[in-house]
Amino acid sequence: MLKHFSFLICALMALCAFIAPVAAQSPNTSSMIVVVEDQNRAVVKGARISVTNTATGAMREAVSGDEGRATIVGLPLTGEYKVSVSMSGLRPRMLPA
C-alpha cells in the first residue's frame, strides 16, 4: 500500500510566483515554502524536498516537519526550478520546472 502512496505538493502559486523575500537574505534571493500531503490531503512528516535550478544544477534540500511544511531558503530570484519529494519506502514525486 505504501508503494502506491503519492505525494501532492501544495505550492499555491506558480513555481516562480511563490517566491517571497526574507529580510535575512540578500535582495537577490528568496525562499520557497512547500507543504507535502498524501493523496488524502494528510500532511507528511519527514519527506525530503529537493529544489534544483534547471540552468545551474544548484540544489537546496529540506525535510518536512510536523505540519508537512518545509522552507527552502537562498534561492536566486531568476531561473526555473524542479521540485522533487521523496521518503523512504514511498514512490518519489517530481514537479517539473
PDB file of N, CA and C in Angstrom:
ATOM      1  N   MET A   1       0.826  -1.196   0.000  1.00  0.00           N
ATOM      2  CA  MET A   1       0.000   0.000   0.000  1.00  0.00           C
ATOM      3  C   MET A   1       0.866   1.255   0.000  1.00  0.00           C
ATOM      4  N   LEU A   2       1.978   1.214   0.744  1.00  0.00           N
ATOM      5  CA  LEU A   2       2.839   2.386   0.802  1.00  0.00           C
ATOM      6  C   LEU A   2       3.442   2.721  -0.544  1.00  0.00           C
ATOM      7  N   LYS A   3       3.662   1.701  -1.392  1.00  0.00           N
ATOM      8  CA  LYS A   3       4.246   1.964  -2.702  1.00  0.00           C
ATOM      9  C   LYS A   3       3.309   2.759  -3.587  1.00  0.00           C
ATOM     10  N   HIS A   4       2.029   2.693  -3.316  1.00  0.00           N
ATOM     11  CA  HIS A   4       1.042   3.424  -4.110  1.00  0.00           C
ATOM     12  C   HIS A   4       0.778   4.813  -3.553  1.00  0.00           C
ATOM     13  N   PHE A   5       1.439   5.103  -2.470  1.00  0.00           N
ATOM     14  CA  PHE A   5       1.321   6.396  -1.812  1.00  0.00           C
ATOM     15  C   PHE A   5       1.926   7.468  -2.709  1.00  0.00           C
ATOM     16  N   SER A   6       1.204   8.483  -3.034  1.00  0.00           N
ATOM     17  CA  SER A   6       1.774   9.543  -3.873  1.00  0.00           C
ATOM     18  C   SER A   6       1.756  10.860  -3.113  1.00  0.00           C
ATOM     19  N   PHE A   7       2.718  11.674  -3.430  1.00  0.00           N
ATOM     20  CA  PHE A   7       2.843  12.967  -2.774  1.00  0.00           C
ATOM     21  C   PHE A   7       2.151  14.051  -3.594  1.00  0.00           C
ATOM     22  N   LEU A   8       1.539  14.970  -2.911  1.00  0.00           N
ATOM     23  CA  LEU A   8       0.999  16.168  -3.546  1.00  0.00           C
ATOM     24  C   LEU A   8       1.714  17.348  -2.906  1.00  0.00           C
ATOM     25  N   ILE A   9       2.259  18.196  -3.697  1.00  0.00           N
ATOM     26  CA  ILE A   9       2.936  19.364  -3.162  1.00  0.00           C
ATOM     27  C   ILE A   9       2.032  20.557  -3.385  1.00  0.00           C
ATOM     28  N   CYS A  10       1.694  21.205  -2.306  1.00  0.00           N
ATOM     29  CA  CYS A  10       0.830  22.377  -2.404  1.00  0.00           C
ATOM     30  C   CYS A  10       1.705  23.621  -2.508  1.00  0.00           C
ATOM     31  N   ALA A  11       1.968  24.037  -3.688  1.00  0.00           N
ATOM     32  CA  ALA A  11       2.624  25.323  -3.920  1.00  0.00           C
ATOM     33  C   ALA A  11       1.506  26.190  -4.471  1.00  0.00           C
ATOM     34  N   LEU A  12       0.999  27.094  -3.685  1.00  0.00           N
ATOM     35  CA  LEU A  12      -0.240  27.777  -4.010  1.00  0.00           C
ATOM     36  C   LEU A  12      -0.139  28.702  -5.217  1.00  0.00           C
ATOM     37  N   MET A  13       1.068  28.945  -5.655  1.00  0.00           N
ATOM     38  CA  MET A  13       1.253  29.788  -6.827  1.00  0.00           C
ATOM     39  C   MET A  13       2.166  29.073  -7.805  1.00  0.00           C
ATOM     40  N   ALA A  14       2.295  29.591  -8.995  1.00  0.00           N
ATOM     41  CA  ALA A  14       3.204  29.011  -9.985  1.00  0.00           C
ATOM     42  C   ALA A  14       4.613  29.021  -9.430  1.00  0.00           C
ATOM     43  N   LEU A  15       5.482  28.153  -9.920  1.00  0.00           N
ATOM     44  CA  LEU A  15       6.802  27.981  -9.335  1.00  0.00           C
ATOM     45  C   LEU A  15       7.585  29.273  -9.228  1.00  0.00           C
ATOM     46  N   CYS A  16       7.394  30.199 -10.099  1.00  0.00           N
ATOM     47  CA  CYS A  16       8.141  31.451  -9.999  1.00  0.00           C
ATOM     48  C   CYS A  16       7.404  32.504  -9.191  1.00  0.00           C
ATOM     49  N   ALA A  17       6.126  32.347  -8.981  1.00  0.00           N
ATOM     50  CA  ALA A  17       5.345  33.362  -8.283  1.00  0.00           C
ATOM     51  C   ALA A  17       5.313  33.151  -6.781  1.00  0.00           C
ATOM     52  N   PHE A  18       5.724  31.989  -6.298  1.00  0.00           N
ATOM     53  CA  PHE A  18       5.637  31.679  -4.882  1.00  0.00           C
ATOM     54  C   PHE A  18       6.798  32.228  -4.083  1.00  0.00           C
ATOM     55  N   ILE A  19       7.783  32.811  -4.722  1.00  0.00           N
ATOM     56  CA  ILE A  19       8.990  33.252  -4.034  1.00  0.00           C
ATOM     57  C   ILE A  19       8.676  34.502  -3.216  1.00  0.00           C
ATOM     58  N   ALA A  20       9.011  34.454  -1.918  1.00  0.00           N
ATOM     59  CA  ALA A  20       8.757  35.578  -1.024  1.00  0.00           C
ATOM     60  C   ALA A  20      10.055  36.021  -0.382  1.00  0.00           C
ATOM     61  N   PRO A  21      10.382  37.288  -0.473  1.00  0.00           N
ATOM     62  CA  PRO A  21      11.638  37.754   0.107  1.00  0.00           C
ATOM     63  C   PRO A  21      11.688  37.556   1.620  1.00  0.00           C
ATOM     64  N   VAL A  22      12.866  37.303   2.105  1.00  0.00           N
ATOM     65  CA  VAL A  22      13.102  37.147   3.536  1.00  0.00           C
ATOM     66  C   VAL A  22      14.149  38.177   3.932  1.00  0.00           C
ATOM     67  N   ALA A  23      13.929  38.900   5.020  1.00  0.00           N
ATOM     68  CA  ALA A  23      14.795  40.010   5.407  1.00  0.00           C
ATOM     69  C   ALA A  23      16.248  39.602   5.589  1.00  0.00           C
ATOM     70  N   ALA A  24      16.521  38.405   6.089  1.00  0.00           N
ATOM     71  CA  ALA A  24      17.890  37.980   6.361  1.00  0.00           C
ATOM     72  C   ALA A  24      18.638  37.565   5.099  1.00  0.00           C
ATOM     73  N   GLN A  25      17.947  37.480   3.983  1.00  0.00           N
ATOM     74  CA  GLN A  25      18.576  37.058   2.746  1.00  0.00           C
ATOM     75  C   GLN A  25      18.990  38.277   1.938  1.00  0.00           C
ATOM     76  N   SER A  26      19.836  38.053   0.952  1.00  0.00           N
ATOM     77  CA  SER A  26      20.223  39.156   0.076  1.00  0.00           C
ATOM     78  C   SER A  26      19.022  39.551  -0.770  1.00  0.00           C
ATOM     79  N   PRO A  27      19.056  40.746  -1.358  1.00  0.00           N
ATOM     80  CA  PRO A  27      17.927  41.184  -2.189  1.00  0.00           C
ATOM     81  C   PRO A  27      17.738  40.340  -3.446  1.00  0.00           C
ATOM     82  N   ASN A  28      18.728  39.507  -3.782  1.00  0.00           N
ATOM     83  CA  ASN A  28      18.639  38.702  -4.999  1.00  0.00           C
ATOM     84  C   ASN A  28      18.252  37.260  -4.743  1.00  0.00           C
ATOM     85  N   THR A  29      17.915  36.923  -3.510  1.00  0.00           N
ATOM     86  CA  THR A  29      17.484  35.560  -3.191  1.00  0.00           C
ATOM     87  C   THR A  29      16.145  35.593  -2.475  1.00  0.00           C
ATOM     88  N   SER A  30      15.542  34.437  -2.409  1.00  0.00           N
ATOM     89  CA  SER A  30      14.241  34.324  -1.780  1.00  0.00           C
ATOM     90  C   SER A  30      14.086  32.928  -1.197  1.00  0.00           C
ATOM     91  N   SER A  31      12.890  32.600  -0.755  1.00  0.00           N
ATOM     92  CA  SER A  31      12.640  31.285  -0.179  1.00  0.00           C
ATOM     93  C   SER A  31      11.361  30.694  -0.755  1.00  0.00           C
ATOM     94  N   MET A  32      11.232  29.376  -0.625  1.00  0.00           N
ATOM     95  CA  MET A  32      10.063  28.652  -1.094  1.00  0.00           C
ATOM     96  C   MET A  32       9.500  27.865   0.084  1.00  0.00           C
ATOM     97  N   ILE A  33       8.210  27.950   0.267  1.00  0.00           N
ATOM     98  CA  ILE A  33       7.536  27.161   1.298  1.00  0.00           C
ATOM     99  C   ILE A  33       6.786  26.041   0.593  1.00  0.00           C
ATOM    100  N   VAL A  34       7.037  24.806   1.025  1.00  0.00           N
ATOM    101  CA  VAL A  34       6.422  23.628   0.418  1.00  0.00           C
ATOM    102  C   VAL A  34       5.659  22.884   1.503  1.00  0.00           C
ATOM    103  N   VAL A  35       4.463  22.437   1.184  1.00  0.00           N
ATOM    104  CA  VAL A  35       3.680  21.592   2.081  1.00  0.00           C
ATOM    105  C   VAL A  35       3.477  20.255   1.380  1.00  0.00           C
ATOM    106  N   VAL A  36       3.857  19.165   2.051  1.00  0.00           N
ATOM    107  CA  VAL A  36       3.745  17.833   1.471  1.00  0.00           C
ATOM    108  C   VAL A  36       2.518  17.148   2.069  1.00  0.00           C
ATOM    109  N   GLU A  37       1.652  16.651   1.181  1.00  0.00           N
ATOM    110  CA  GLU A  37       0.432  15.960   1.597  1.00  0.00           C
ATOM    111  C   GLU A  37       0.329  14.637   0.851  1.00  0.00           C
ATOM    112  N   ASP A  38      -0.389  13.678   1.445  1.00  0.00           N
ATOM    113  CA  ASP A  38      -0.650  12.429   0.745  1.00  0.00           C
ATOM    114  C   ASP A  38      -1.918  12.572  -0.092  1.00  0.00           C
ATOM    115  N   GLN A  39      -2.329  11.499  -0.747  1.00  0.00           N
ATOM    116  CA  GLN A  39      -3.496  11.554  -1.625  1.00  0.00           C
ATOM    117  C   GLN A  39      -4.784  11.872  -0.873  1.00  0.00           C
ATOM    118  N   ASN A  40      -4.788  11.700   0.449  1.00  0.00           N
ATOM    119  CA  ASN A  40      -5.963  12.028   1.262  1.00  0.00           C
ATOM    120  C   ASN A  40      -5.858  13.409   1.883  1.00  0.00           C
ATOM    121  N   ARG A  41      -4.836  14.178   1.482  1.00  0.00           N
ATOM    122  CA  ARG A  41      -4.576  15.540   1.947  1.00  0.00           C
ATOM    123  C   ARG A  41      -4.113  15.594   3.401  1.00  0.00           C
ATOM    124  N   ALA A  42      -3.612  14.480   3.914  1.00  0.00           N
ATOM    125  CA  ALA A  42      -2.991  14.454   5.243  1.00  0.00           C
ATOM    126  C   ALA A  42      -1.532  14.879   5.078  1.00  0.00           C
ATOM    127  N   VAL A  43      -1.031  15.695   5.986  1.00  0.00           N
ATOM    128  CA  VAL A  43       0.353  16.157   5.863  1.00  0.00           C
ATOM    129  C   VAL A  43       1.315  15.011   6.111  1.00  0.00           C
ATOM    130  N   VAL A  44       2.499  15.099   5.482  1.00  0.00           N
ATOM    131  CA  VAL A  44       3.511  14.057   5.569  1.00  0.00           C
ATOM    132  C   VAL A  44       4.740  14.626   6.259  1.00  0.00           C
ATOM    133  N   LYS A  45       5.083  14.065   7.400  1.00  0.00           N
ATOM    134  CA  LYS A  45       6.261  14.474   8.155  1.00  0.00           C
ATOM    135  C   LYS A  45       7.465  13.635   7.707  1.00  0.00           C
ATOM    136  N   GLY A  46       8.630  14.291   7.580  1.00  0.00           N
ATOM    137  CA  GLY A  46       9.857  13.572   7.282  1.00  0.00           C
ATOM    138  C   GLY A  46      10.139  13.335   5.810  1.00  0.00           C
ATOM    139  N   ALA A  47       9.404  13.987   4.922  1.00  0.00           N
ATOM    140  CA  ALA A  47       9.673  13.855   3.489  1.00  0.00           C
ATOM    141  C   ALA A  47      10.843  14.766   3.110  1.00  0.00           C
ATOM    142  N   ARG A  48      11.710  14.287   2.211  1.00  0.00           N
ATOM    143  CA  ARG A  48      12.855  15.086   1.745  1.00  0.00           C
ATOM    144  C   ARG A  48      12.437  15.837   0.495  1.00  0.00           C
ATOM    145  N   ILE A  49      12.585  17.171   0.532  1.00  0.00           N
ATOM    146  CA  ILE A  49      12.253  18.033  -0.590  1.00  0.00           C
ATOM    147  C   ILE A  49      13.555  18.550  -1.197  1.00  0.00           C
ATOM    148  N   SER A  50      13.709  18.387  -2.501  1.00  0.00           N
ATOM    149  CA  SER A  50      14.874  18.897  -3.220  1.00  0.00           C
ATOM    150  C   SER A  50      14.394  19.897  -4.252  1.00  0.00           C
ATOM    151  N   VAL A  51      15.034  21.053  -4.289  1.00  0.00           N
ATOM    152  CA  VAL A  51      14.729  22.097  -5.264  1.00  0.00           C
ATOM    153  C   VAL A  51      15.993  22.326  -6.083  1.00  0.00           C
ATOM    154  N   THR A  52      15.905  22.115  -7.402  1.00  0.00           N
ATOM    155  CA  THR A  52      17.070  22.208  -8.273  1.00  0.00           C
ATOM    156  C   THR A  52      16.861  23.282  -9.329  1.00  0.00           C
ATOM    157  N   ASN A  53      17.824  24.195  -9.450  1.00  0.00           N
ATOM    158  CA  ASN A  53      17.809  25.203 -10.500  1.00  0.00           C
ATOM    159  C   ASN A  53      18.145  24.489 -11.802  1.00  0.00           C
ATOM    160  N   THR A  54      17.254  24.545 -12.783  1.00  0.00           N
ATOM    161  CA  THR A  54      17.441  23.786 -14.015  1.00  0.00           C
ATOM    162  C   THR A  54      18.593  24.319 -14.859  1.00  0.00           C
ATOM    163  N   ALA A  55      18.938  25.586 -14.730  1.00  0.00           N
ATOM    164  CA  ALA A  55      20.021  26.163 -15.532  1.00  0.00           C
ATOM    165  C   ALA A  55      21.394  25.867 -14.939  1.00  0.00           C
ATOM    166  N   THR A  56      21.508  25.926 -13.610  1.00  0.00           N
ATOM    167  CA  THR A  56      22.818  25.794 -12.969  1.00  0.00           C
ATOM    168  C   THR A  56      23.041  24.442 -12.308  1.00  0.00           C
ATOM    169  N   GLY A  57      21.970  23.716 -12.021  1.00  0.00           N
ATOM    170  CA  GLY A  57      22.079  22.451 -11.310  1.00  0.00           C
ATOM    171  C   GLY A  57      22.226  22.620  -9.810  1.00  0.00           C
ATOM    172  N   ALA A  58      22.249  23.870  -9.332  1.00  0.00           N
ATOM    173  CA  ALA A  58      22.354  24.123  -7.892  1.00  0.00           C
ATOM    174  C   ALA A  58      21.121  23.559  -7.192  1.00  0.00           C
ATOM    175  N   MET A  59      21.350  22.857  -6.071  1.00  0.00           N
ATOM    176  CA  MET A  59      20.253  22.195  -5.380  1.00  0.00           C
ATOM    177  C   MET A  59      20.223  22.601  -3.907  1.00  0.00           C
ATOM    178  N   ARG A  60      19.028  22.765  -3.391  1.00  0.00           N
ATOM    179  CA  ARG A  60      18.788  23.004  -1.967  1.00  0.00           C
ATOM    180  C   ARG A  60      17.846  21.911  -1.494  1.00  0.00           C
ATOM    181  N   GLU A  61      18.025  21.477  -0.240  1.00  0.00           N
ATOM    182  CA  GLU A  61      17.169  20.423   0.311  1.00  0.00           C
ATOM    183  C   GLU A  61      16.628  20.830   1.668  1.00  0.00           C
ATOM    184  N   ALA A  62      15.497  20.236   2.006  1.00  0.00           N
ATOM    185  CA  ALA A  62      14.877  20.420   3.317  1.00  0.00           C
ATOM    186  C   ALA A  62      14.063  19.170   3.626  1.00  0.00           C
ATOM    187  N   VAL A  63      13.666  19.023   4.878  1.00  0.00           N
ATOM    188  CA  VAL A  63      12.836  17.900   5.319  1.00  0.00           C
ATOM    189  C   VAL A  63      11.562  18.472   5.921  1.00  0.00           C
ATOM    190  N   SER A  64      10.406  17.900   5.538  1.00  0.00           N
ATOM    191  CA  SER A  64       9.130  18.397   6.048  1.00  0.00           C
ATOM    192  C   SER A  64       9.001  18.111   7.541  1.00  0.00           C
ATOM    193  N   GLY A  65       8.433  19.064   8.249  1.00  0.00           N
ATOM    194  CA  GLY A  65       8.256  18.955   9.693  1.00  0.00           C
ATOM    195  C   GLY A  65       6.910  18.376  10.071  1.00  0.00           C
ATOM    196  N   ASP A  66       6.515  18.579  11.315  1.00  0.00           N
ATOM    197  CA  ASP A  66       5.273  18.020  11.859  1.00  0.00           C
ATOM    198  C   ASP A  66       4.034  18.417  11.062  1.00  0.00           C
ATOM    199  N   GLU A  67       4.051  19.602  10.477  1.00  0.00           N
ATOM    200  CA  GLU A  67       2.898  20.069   9.713  1.00  0.00           C
ATOM    201  C   GLU A  67       3.054  19.823   8.216  1.00  0.00           C
ATOM    202  N   GLY A  68       4.042  18.988   7.850  1.00  0.00           N
ATOM    203  CA  GLY A  68       4.283  18.689   6.446  1.00  0.00           C
ATOM    204  C   GLY A  68       4.950  19.816   5.691  1.00  0.00           C
ATOM    205  N   ARG A  69       5.386  20.833   6.407  1.00  0.00           N
ATOM    206  CA  ARG A  69       5.924  22.045   5.789  1.00  0.00           C
ATOM    207  C   ARG A  69       7.439  22.078   5.845  1.00  0.00           C
ATOM    208  N   ALA A  70       8.032  22.628   4.789  1.00  0.00           N
ATOM    209  CA  ALA A  70       9.477  22.852   4.738  1.00  0.00           C
ATOM    210  C   ALA A  70       9.710  24.179   4.041  1.00  0.00           C
ATOM    211  N   THR A  71      10.764  24.884   4.455  1.00  0.00           N
ATOM    212  CA  THR A  71      11.144  26.140   3.829  1.00  0.00           C
ATOM    213  C   THR A  71      12.534  25.978   3.229  1.00  0.00           C
ATOM    214  N   ILE A  72      12.655  26.293   1.961  1.00  0.00           N
ATOM    215  CA  ILE A  72      13.927  26.241   1.269  1.00  0.00           C
ATOM    216  C   ILE A  72      14.368  27.686   1.071  1.00  0.00           C
ATOM    217  N   VAL A  73      15.524  28.049   1.613  1.00  0.00           N
ATOM    218  CA  VAL A  73      15.994  29.438   1.578  1.00  0.00           C
ATOM    219  C   VAL A  73      17.175  29.594   0.633  1.00  0.00           C
ATOM    220  N   GLY A  74      17.471  30.842   0.294  1.00  0.00           N
ATOM    221  CA  GLY A  74      18.643  31.162  -0.505  1.00  0.00           C
ATOM    222  C   GLY A  74      18.511  30.857  -1.979  1.00  0.00           C
ATOM    223  N   LEU A  75      17.295  30.843  -2.499  1.00  0.00           N
ATOM    224  CA  LEU A  75      17.086  30.572  -3.921  1.00  0.00           C
ATOM    225  C   LEU A  75      17.236  31.860  -4.725  1.00  0.00           C
ATOM    226  N   PRO A  76      18.059  31.858  -5.775  1.00  0.00           N
ATOM    227  CA  PRO A  76      18.145  33.038  -6.637  1.00  0.00           C
ATOM    228  C   PRO A  76      16.772  33.368  -7.222  1.00  0.00           C
ATOM    229  N   LEU A  77      16.489  34.651  -7.361  1.00  0.00           N
ATOM    230  CA  LEU A  77      15.187  35.076  -7.868  1.00  0.00           C
ATOM    231  C   LEU A  77      14.964  34.688  -9.321  1.00  0.00           C
ATOM    232  N   THR A  78      16.023  34.613 -10.090  1.00  0.00           N
ATOM    233  CA  THR A  78      15.866  34.266 -11.502  1.00  0.00           C
ATOM    234  C   THR A  78      16.103  32.775 -11.700  1.00  0.00           C
ATOM    235  N   GLY A  79      15.446  32.224 -12.691  1.00  0.00           N
ATOM    236  CA  GLY A  79      15.641  30.822 -13.005  1.00  0.00           C
ATOM    237  C   GLY A  79      14.392  30.000 -12.808  1.00  0.00           C
ATOM    238  N   GLU A  80      14.454  28.779 -13.332  1.00  0.00           N
ATOM    239  CA  GLU A  80      13.371  27.817 -13.166  1.00  0.00           C
ATOM    240  C   GLU A  80      13.870  26.706 -12.258  1.00  0.00           C
ATOM    241  N   TYR A  81      12.944  26.096 -11.526  1.00  0.00           N
ATOM    242  CA  TYR A  81      13.305  25.094 -10.542  1.00  0.00           C
ATOM    243  C   TYR A  81      12.471  23.833 -10.719  1.00  0.00           C
ATOM    244  N   LYS A  82      13.113  22.680 -10.495  1.00  0.00           N
ATOM    245  CA  LYS A  82      12.411  21.402 -10.387  1.00  0.00           C
ATOM    246  C   LYS A  82      12.287  21.108  -8.901  1.00  0.00           C
ATOM    247  N   VAL A  83      11.140  20.615  -8.496  1.00  0.00           N
ATOM    248  CA  VAL A  83      10.909  20.251  -7.102  1.00  0.00           C
ATOM    249  C   VAL A  83      10.648  18.758  -7.049  1.00  0.00           C
ATOM    250  N   SER A  84      11.402  18.043  -6.213  1.00  0.00           N
ATOM    251  CA  SER A  84      11.140  16.618  -6.038  1.00  0.00           C
ATOM    252  C   SER A  84      10.966  16.322  -4.559  1.00  0.00           C
ATOM    253  N   VAL A  85      10.132  15.331  -4.293  1.00  0.00           N
ATOM    254  CA  VAL A  85       9.818  14.926  -2.922  1.00  0.00           C
ATOM    255  C   VAL A  85      10.001  13.422  -2.830  1.00  0.00           C
ATOM    256  N   SER A  86      10.699  12.975  -1.793  1.00  0.00           N
ATOM    257  CA  SER A  86      10.887  11.541  -1.601  1.00  0.00           C
ATOM    258  C   SER A  86      10.854  11.211  -0.124  1.00  0.00           C
ATOM    259  N   MET A  87      10.597   9.939   0.139  1.00  0.00           N
ATOM    260  CA  MET A  87      10.568   9.443   1.508  1.00  0.00           C
ATOM    261  C   MET A  87      10.812   7.941   1.449  1.00  0.00           C
ATOM    262  N   SER A  88      11.585   7.440   2.366  1.00  0.00           N
ATOM    263  CA  SER A  88      11.928   6.026   2.383  1.00  0.00           C
ATOM    264  C   SER A  88      10.669   5.163   2.329  1.00  0.00           C
ATOM    265  N   GLY A  89      10.655   4.213   1.408  1.00  0.00           N
ATOM    266  CA  GLY A  89       9.529   3.291   1.287  1.00  0.00           C
ATOM    267  C   GLY A  89       8.389   3.806   0.442  1.00  0.00           C
ATOM    268  N   LEU A  90       8.514   5.041  -0.052  1.00  0.00           N
ATOM    269  CA  LEU A  90       7.434   5.627  -0.845  1.00  0.00           C
ATOM    270  C   LEU A  90       7.944   6.032  -2.214  1.00  0.00           C
ATOM    271  N   ARG A  91       7.058   6.043  -3.167  1.00  0.00           N
ATOM    272  CA  ARG A  91       7.413   6.430  -4.530  1.00  0.00           C
ATOM    273  C   ARG A  91       7.692   7.928  -4.592  1.00  0.00           C
ATOM    274  N   PRO A  92       8.845   8.342  -5.154  1.00  0.00           N
ATOM    275  CA  PRO A  92       9.140   9.776  -5.244  1.00  0.00           C
ATOM    276  C   PRO A  92       8.220  10.478  -6.235  1.00  0.00           C
ATOM    277  N   ARG A  93       8.110  11.767  -6.043  1.00  0.00           N
ATOM    278  CA  ARG A  93       7.267  12.597  -6.927  1.00  0.00           C
ATOM    279  C   ARG A  93       8.089  13.803  -7.356  1.00  0.00           C
ATOM    280  N   MET A  94       8.000  14.183  -8.646  1.00  0.00           N
ATOM    281  CA  MET A  94       8.733  15.338  -9.128  1.00  0.00           C
ATOM    282  C   MET A  94       7.790  16.283  -9.867  1.00  0.00           C
ATOM    283  N   LEU A  95       7.954  17.562  -9.580  1.00  0.00           N
ATOM    284  CA  LEU A  95       7.237  18.594 -10.308  1.00  0.00           C
ATOM    285  C   LEU A  95       8.233  19.250 -11.247  1.00  0.00           C
ATOM    286  N   PRO A  96       7.941  19.280 -12.544  1.00  0.00           N
ATOM    287  CA  PRO A  96       8.876  19.886 -13.479  1.00  0.00           C
ATOM    288  C   PRO A  96       8.916  21.404 -13.318  1.00  0.00           C
ATOM    289  N   ALA A  97       9.925  21.990 -13.922  1.00  0.00           N
ATOM    290  CA  ALA A  97      10.096  23.454 -13.879  1.00  0.00           C
ATOM    291  C   ALA A  97       8.926  24.132 -14.553  1.00  0.00           C
TER     292      ALA A  97
END
